[in-house]
Amino acid sequence: MAEDCIFCKIANHEIPSNFVYEDDQVVAFKDLNPVAPVHVLIVPKDHKLNLSQYSQEDEQLLGHILYAAAHIARELGLEENGYRVVTNAGPDAGQSVMHTHFHLLGGRKLSFDKQ
């Protein structure tokens, strides 16, 4: 755990959050600034800055995160029309909290901005 990391504090129940999912490896909760009708953050309990810090030893955890995303999407009724799972690695990618996290987005038609 990083002492000043907000996601570590949420995962350790030091900051109250309305979890939509939790197990021994990840927590998931609604984003405070949603960009879609459904916007859930899936956060590993182990603190690493972003995907660049993961290695082959982390394959099971990374697969588990995707399993959790699919499970949450089913629970929230996103399976029929679809959803997106995305992670940002570094400031140029838009990462604002330096703790690995995945965004589960759905509830409307999603597109990519052309820049």
N, C-alpha and C. Protein backbone atom coordinates (compact mmCIF):
# COMPACT_ATOMS: atom_id res chain seq x y z
N MET A 1 0.84 -1.19 0.00
CA MET A 1 0.00 0.00 0.00
C MET A 1 0.88 1.24 0.00
N ALA A 2 0.52 2.18 -0.83
CA ALA A 2 1.19 3.47 -0.83
C ALA A 2 0.42 4.39 0.12
N GLU A 3 1.11 5.02 1.04
CA GLU A 3 0.46 5.80 2.10
C GLU A 3 -0.46 6.90 1.60
N ASP A 4 -0.09 7.57 0.51
CA ASP A 4 -0.89 8.70 0.04
C ASP A 4 -1.78 8.34 -1.15
N CYS A 5 -1.95 7.07 -1.44
CA CYS A 5 -2.73 6.64 -2.62
C CYS A 5 -4.20 6.51 -2.25
N ILE A 6 -5.05 7.27 -2.92
CA ILE A 6 -6.48 7.23 -2.63
C ILE A 6 -7.09 5.86 -2.94
N PHE A 7 -6.62 5.20 -4.02
CA PHE A 7 -7.18 3.88 -4.34
C PHE A 7 -6.75 2.83 -3.33
N CYS A 8 -5.54 2.93 -2.78
CA CYS A 8 -5.13 2.02 -1.71
C CYS A 8 -6.03 2.21 -0.49
N LYS A 9 -6.31 3.46 -0.16
CA LYS A 9 -7.16 3.75 0.99
C LYS A 9 -8.58 3.25 0.78
N ILE A 10 -9.11 3.38 -0.44
CA ILE A 10 -10.44 2.85 -0.74
C ILE A 10 -10.43 1.33 -0.64
N ALA A 11 -9.44 0.70 -1.25
CA ALA A 11 -9.35 -0.77 -1.24
C ALA A 11 -9.21 -1.34 0.17
N ASN A 12 -8.57 -0.57 1.06
CA ASN A 12 -8.39 -1.00 2.45
C ASN A 12 -9.50 -0.52 3.37
N HIS A 13 -10.57 0.02 2.79
CA HIS A 13 -11.74 0.49 3.54
C HIS A 13 -11.42 1.64 4.49
N GLU A 14 -10.36 2.39 4.20
CA GLU A 14 -10.04 3.57 4.99
C GLU A 14 -10.86 4.77 4.54
N ILE A 15 -11.29 4.75 3.28
CA ILE A 15 -12.19 5.76 2.73
C ILE A 15 -13.46 5.03 2.31
N PRO A 16 -14.60 5.42 2.84
CA PRO A 16 -15.84 4.73 2.49
C PRO A 16 -16.13 4.81 0.99
N SER A 17 -16.62 3.72 0.46
CA SER A 17 -17.01 3.66 -0.95
C SER A 17 -18.14 2.67 -1.10
N ASN A 18 -18.95 2.89 -2.10
CA ASN A 18 -20.05 1.98 -2.39
C ASN A 18 -19.57 0.95 -3.40
N PHE A 19 -19.00 -0.16 -2.91
CA PHE A 19 -18.47 -1.19 -3.79
C PHE A 19 -19.58 -1.89 -4.55
N VAL A 20 -19.35 -2.11 -5.84
CA VAL A 20 -20.26 -2.95 -6.62
C VAL A 20 -19.72 -4.37 -6.71
N TYR A 21 -18.43 -4.53 -6.32
CA TYR A 21 -17.79 -5.85 -6.32
C TYR A 21 -16.55 -5.78 -5.45
N GLU A 22 -16.28 -6.86 -4.75
CA GLU A 22 -15.03 -6.99 -4.00
C GLU A 22 -14.71 -8.45 -3.81
N ASP A 23 -13.44 -8.78 -3.94
CA ASP A 23 -12.94 -10.09 -3.58
C ASP A 23 -11.56 -9.90 -2.98
N ASP A 24 -10.79 -10.96 -2.83
CA ASP A 24 -9.49 -10.84 -2.16
C ASP A 24 -8.43 -10.13 -3.00
N GLN A 25 -8.69 -9.90 -4.31
CA GLN A 25 -7.70 -9.29 -5.18
C GLN A 25 -8.06 -7.91 -5.71
N VAL A 26 -9.35 -7.61 -5.83
CA VAL A 26 -9.79 -6.35 -6.42
C VAL A 26 -11.01 -5.78 -5.71
N VAL A 27 -11.19 -4.48 -5.89
CA VAL A 27 -12.44 -3.82 -5.51
C VAL A 27 -12.95 -3.09 -6.75
N ALA A 28 -14.25 -2.88 -6.79
CA ALA A 28 -14.86 -2.13 -7.90
C ALA A 28 -15.92 -1.21 -7.33
N PHE A 29 -15.92 0.02 -7.82
CA PHE A 29 -16.85 1.02 -7.33
C PHE A 29 -17.16 2.02 -8.44
N LYS A 30 -18.27 2.73 -8.28
CA LYS A 30 -18.69 3.70 -9.29
C LYS A 30 -17.74 4.89 -9.31
N ASP A 31 -17.40 5.33 -10.53
CA ASP A 31 -16.54 6.50 -10.70
C ASP A 31 -17.29 7.74 -10.25
N LEU A 32 -16.60 8.64 -9.54
CA LEU A 32 -17.23 9.88 -9.07
C LEU A 32 -17.49 10.87 -10.19
N ASN A 33 -16.77 10.74 -11.31
CA ASN A 33 -16.96 11.61 -12.47
C ASN A 33 -17.22 10.75 -13.71
N PRO A 34 -18.39 10.13 -13.79
CA PRO A 34 -18.64 9.18 -14.87
C PRO A 34 -18.68 9.83 -16.25
N VAL A 35 -18.17 9.09 -17.25
CA VAL A 35 -18.23 9.53 -18.64
C VAL A 35 -19.23 8.70 -19.44
N ALA A 36 -19.94 7.81 -18.76
CA ALA A 36 -20.97 6.97 -19.37
C ALA A 36 -22.00 6.68 -18.28
N PRO A 37 -23.22 6.27 -18.66
CA PRO A 37 -24.22 5.95 -17.64
C PRO A 37 -23.73 4.91 -16.62
N VAL A 38 -22.94 3.94 -17.09
CA VAL A 38 -22.28 2.99 -16.19
C VAL A 38 -20.79 3.24 -16.32
N HIS A 39 -20.16 3.61 -15.22
CA HIS A 39 -18.72 3.85 -15.20
C HIS A 39 -18.20 3.34 -13.86
N VAL A 40 -17.62 2.16 -13.90
CA VAL A 40 -17.12 1.49 -12.70
C VAL A 40 -15.60 1.41 -12.79
N LEU A 41 -14.93 1.67 -11.69
CA LEU A 41 -13.49 1.50 -11.60
C LEU A 41 -13.19 0.17 -10.94
N ILE A 42 -12.32 -0.61 -11.57
CA ILE A 42 -11.89 -1.89 -11.02
C ILE A 42 -10.43 -1.71 -10.62
N VAL A 43 -10.15 -1.87 -9.33
CA VAL A 43 -8.86 -1.52 -8.76
C VAL A 43 -8.23 -2.73 -8.07
N PRO A 44 -7.05 -3.16 -8.52
CA PRO A 44 -6.35 -4.22 -7.78
C PRO A 44 -5.97 -3.73 -6.39
N LYS A 45 -6.03 -4.59 -5.41
CA LYS A 45 -5.67 -4.21 -4.05
C LYS A 45 -4.16 -4.02 -3.90
N ASP A 46 -3.37 -4.67 -4.74
CA ASP A 46 -1.92 -4.52 -4.73
C ASP A 46 -1.55 -3.24 -5.47
N HIS A 47 -0.74 -2.40 -4.85
CA HIS A 47 -0.39 -1.11 -5.45
C HIS A 47 0.74 -1.25 -6.47
N LYS A 48 0.41 -0.95 -7.71
CA LYS A 48 1.39 -0.76 -8.78
C LYS A 48 0.90 0.44 -9.57
N LEU A 49 1.84 1.23 -10.10
CA LEU A 49 1.46 2.48 -10.76
C LEU A 49 0.57 2.27 -11.97
N ASN A 50 0.97 1.36 -12.86
CA ASN A 50 0.20 1.09 -14.07
C ASN A 50 0.68 -0.22 -14.69
N LEU A 51 0.14 -0.59 -15.83
CA LEU A 51 0.48 -1.88 -16.44
C LEU A 51 1.97 -2.07 -16.69
N SER A 52 2.70 -1.00 -16.86
CA SER A 52 4.14 -1.10 -17.12
C SER A 52 4.89 -1.77 -15.97
N GLN A 53 4.32 -1.79 -14.79
CA GLN A 53 4.99 -2.40 -13.64
C GLN A 53 4.66 -3.88 -13.45
N TYR A 54 3.81 -4.42 -14.30
CA TYR A 54 3.44 -5.83 -14.18
C TYR A 54 4.40 -6.71 -14.96
N SER A 55 4.52 -7.94 -14.52
CA SER A 55 5.40 -8.90 -15.19
C SER A 55 4.62 -10.19 -15.44
N GLN A 56 5.31 -11.16 -15.99
CA GLN A 56 4.67 -12.45 -16.28
C GLN A 56 4.12 -13.09 -15.00
N GLU A 57 4.72 -12.79 -13.88
CA GLU A 57 4.24 -13.32 -12.60
C GLU A 57 2.83 -12.82 -12.26
N ASP A 58 2.40 -11.77 -12.90
CA ASP A 58 1.10 -11.16 -12.62
C ASP A 58 0.00 -11.59 -13.58
N GLU A 59 0.29 -12.56 -14.43
CA GLU A 59 -0.71 -12.98 -15.43
C GLU A 59 -2.02 -13.40 -14.79
N GLN A 60 -1.96 -14.14 -13.70
CA GLN A 60 -3.19 -14.61 -13.05
C GLN A 60 -4.02 -13.43 -12.54
N LEU A 61 -3.38 -12.46 -11.92
CA LEU A 61 -4.10 -11.29 -11.43
C LEU A 61 -4.73 -10.51 -12.57
N LEU A 62 -3.97 -10.30 -13.64
CA LEU A 62 -4.51 -9.54 -14.78
C LEU A 62 -5.70 -10.26 -15.40
N GLY A 63 -5.62 -11.57 -15.52
CA GLY A 63 -6.76 -12.34 -16.01
C GLY A 63 -7.94 -12.24 -15.06
N HIS A 64 -7.68 -12.25 -13.78
CA HIS A 64 -8.74 -12.13 -12.79
C HIS A 64 -9.45 -10.79 -12.88
N ILE A 65 -8.69 -9.74 -13.16
CA ILE A 65 -9.29 -8.41 -13.32
C ILE A 65 -10.29 -8.43 -14.48
N LEU A 66 -9.91 -9.06 -15.59
CA LEU A 66 -10.84 -9.14 -16.74
C LEU A 66 -12.04 -10.02 -16.42
N TYR A 67 -11.83 -11.09 -15.65
CA TYR A 67 -12.96 -11.91 -15.20
C TYR A 67 -13.91 -11.04 -14.37
N ALA A 68 -13.35 -10.27 -13.43
CA ALA A 68 -14.18 -9.42 -12.58
C ALA A 68 -14.96 -8.41 -13.42
N ALA A 69 -14.31 -7.84 -14.44
CA ALA A 69 -14.99 -6.88 -15.32
C ALA A 69 -16.18 -7.54 -16.02
N ALA A 70 -15.99 -8.73 -16.55
CA ALA A 70 -17.08 -9.44 -17.22
C ALA A 70 -18.20 -9.77 -16.25
N HIS A 71 -17.85 -10.19 -15.05
CA HIS A 71 -18.85 -10.51 -14.02
C HIS A 71 -19.66 -9.27 -13.66
N ILE A 72 -18.98 -8.16 -13.44
CA ILE A 72 -19.67 -6.92 -13.08
C ILE A 72 -20.56 -6.46 -14.23
N ALA A 73 -20.07 -6.55 -15.47
CA ALA A 73 -20.88 -6.16 -16.63
C ALA A 73 -22.16 -6.97 -16.70
N ARG A 74 -22.06 -8.28 -16.45
CA ARG A 74 -23.27 -9.13 -16.43
C ARG A 74 -24.22 -8.68 -15.33
N GLU A 75 -23.68 -8.46 -14.14
CA GLU A 75 -24.50 -8.05 -13.00
C GLU A 75 -25.21 -6.71 -13.25
N LEU A 76 -24.57 -5.84 -14.00
CA LEU A 76 -25.14 -4.51 -14.27
C LEU A 76 -25.96 -4.46 -15.56
N GLY A 77 -26.15 -5.61 -16.21
CA GLY A 77 -27.00 -5.68 -17.39
C GLY A 77 -26.38 -5.12 -18.66
N LEU A 78 -25.06 -5.13 -18.76
CA LEU A 78 -24.38 -4.56 -19.92
C LEU A 78 -24.08 -5.58 -21.01
N GLU A 79 -24.27 -6.83 -20.73
CA GLU A 79 -23.85 -7.90 -21.65
C GLU A 79 -24.52 -7.82 -23.01
N GLU A 80 -25.81 -7.55 -23.06
CA GLU A 80 -26.54 -7.58 -24.33
C GLU A 80 -26.07 -6.51 -25.31
N ASN A 81 -25.95 -5.28 -24.86
CA ASN A 81 -25.59 -4.19 -25.77
C ASN A 81 -24.10 -3.90 -25.83
N GLY A 82 -23.35 -4.40 -24.87
CA GLY A 82 -21.90 -4.25 -24.90
C GLY A 82 -21.36 -3.24 -23.90
N TYR A 83 -20.06 -3.31 -23.74
CA TYR A 83 -19.37 -2.45 -22.79
C TYR A 83 -17.90 -2.38 -23.19
N ARG A 84 -17.18 -1.49 -22.54
CA ARG A 84 -15.75 -1.30 -22.81
C ARG A 84 -14.99 -1.42 -21.49
N VAL A 85 -13.81 -2.04 -21.57
CA VAL A 85 -12.88 -2.10 -20.45
C VAL A 85 -11.59 -1.46 -20.93
N VAL A 86 -11.11 -0.45 -20.19
CA VAL A 86 -9.91 0.28 -20.62
C VAL A 86 -9.06 0.63 -19.40
N THR A 87 -7.76 0.68 -19.63
CA THR A 87 -6.84 1.18 -18.60
C THR A 87 -5.90 2.18 -19.24
N ASN A 88 -5.49 3.16 -18.48
CA ASN A 88 -4.55 4.17 -18.96
C ASN A 88 -3.23 3.97 -18.23
N ALA A 89 -2.14 4.06 -18.97
CA ALA A 89 -0.81 3.88 -18.37
C ALA A 89 0.02 5.14 -18.60
N GLY A 90 0.06 5.99 -17.59
CA GLY A 90 0.87 7.20 -17.66
C GLY A 90 0.06 8.43 -18.00
N PRO A 91 0.64 9.59 -17.72
CA PRO A 91 -0.08 10.86 -17.91
C PRO A 91 -0.47 11.15 -19.35
N ASP A 92 0.35 10.79 -20.33
CA ASP A 92 -0.01 11.03 -21.72
C ASP A 92 -1.21 10.21 -22.16
N ALA A 93 -1.49 9.12 -21.47
CA ALA A 93 -2.65 8.29 -21.78
C ALA A 93 -3.89 8.74 -21.01
N GLY A 94 -3.72 9.71 -20.11
CA GLY A 94 -4.85 10.22 -19.35
C GLY A 94 -4.96 9.64 -17.95
N GLN A 95 -3.94 8.92 -17.48
CA GLN A 95 -4.00 8.36 -16.12
C GLN A 95 -3.87 9.49 -15.11
N SER A 96 -4.88 9.64 -14.25
CA SER A 96 -4.86 10.72 -13.26
C SER A 96 -4.58 10.22 -11.85
N VAL A 97 -4.87 8.96 -11.56
CA VAL A 97 -4.54 8.36 -10.27
C VAL A 97 -3.47 7.31 -10.53
N MET A 98 -2.33 7.46 -9.89
CA MET A 98 -1.19 6.59 -10.17
C MET A 98 -1.26 5.29 -9.36
N HIS A 99 -2.29 4.54 -9.63
CA HIS A 99 -2.53 3.19 -9.10
C HIS A 99 -3.28 2.49 -10.23
N THR A 100 -2.80 1.35 -10.66
CA THR A 100 -3.44 0.63 -11.76
C THR A 100 -4.95 0.53 -11.51
N HIS A 101 -5.72 0.87 -12.52
CA HIS A 101 -7.16 0.70 -12.44
C HIS A 101 -7.73 0.56 -13.84
N PHE A 102 -8.86 -0.08 -13.91
CA PHE A 102 -9.54 -0.33 -15.18
C PHE A 102 -10.91 0.32 -15.12
N HIS A 103 -11.32 0.91 -16.24
CA HIS A 103 -12.63 1.53 -16.36
C HIS A 103 -13.55 0.57 -17.09
N LEU A 104 -14.70 0.29 -16.50
CA LEU A 104 -15.76 -0.47 -17.15
C LEU A 104 -16.83 0.55 -17.53
N LEU A 105 -17.04 0.71 -18.85
CA LEU A 105 -17.95 1.73 -19.37
C LEU A 105 -19.07 1.08 -20.15
N GLY A 106 -20.28 1.58 -19.99
CA GLY A 106 -21.40 1.05 -20.76
C GLY A 106 -22.65 1.86 -20.50
N GLY A 107 -23.74 1.37 -21.04
CA GLY A 107 -25.03 2.03 -20.86
C GLY A 107 -25.38 3.00 -21.96
N ARG A 108 -24.50 3.15 -22.95
CA ARG A 108 -24.76 3.97 -24.13
C ARG A 108 -23.80 3.53 -25.22
N LYS A 109 -24.05 3.97 -26.44
CA LYS A 109 -23.14 3.69 -27.54
C LYS A 109 -21.84 4.45 -27.29
N LEU A 110 -20.72 3.76 -27.37
CA LEU A 110 -19.42 4.37 -27.10
C LEU A 110 -18.66 4.55 -28.40
N SER A 111 -17.89 5.62 -28.49
CA SER A 111 -17.06 5.86 -29.67
C SER A 111 -15.69 6.33 -29.22
N PHE A 112 -14.75 6.37 -30.12
CA PHE A 112 -13.42 6.90 -29.85
C PHE A 112 -13.31 8.28 -30.48
N ASP A 113 -12.78 9.22 -29.71
CA ASP A 113 -12.52 10.56 -30.26
C ASP A 113 -11.37 10.46 -31.24
N LYS A 114 -11.49 11.17 -32.37
CA LYS A 114 -10.41 11.23 -33.34
C LYS A 114 -9.61 12.50 -33.08
N GLN A 115 -8.33 12.33 -32.78
CA GLN A 115 -7.50 13.49 -32.48
C GLN A 115 -6.26 13.48 -33.32
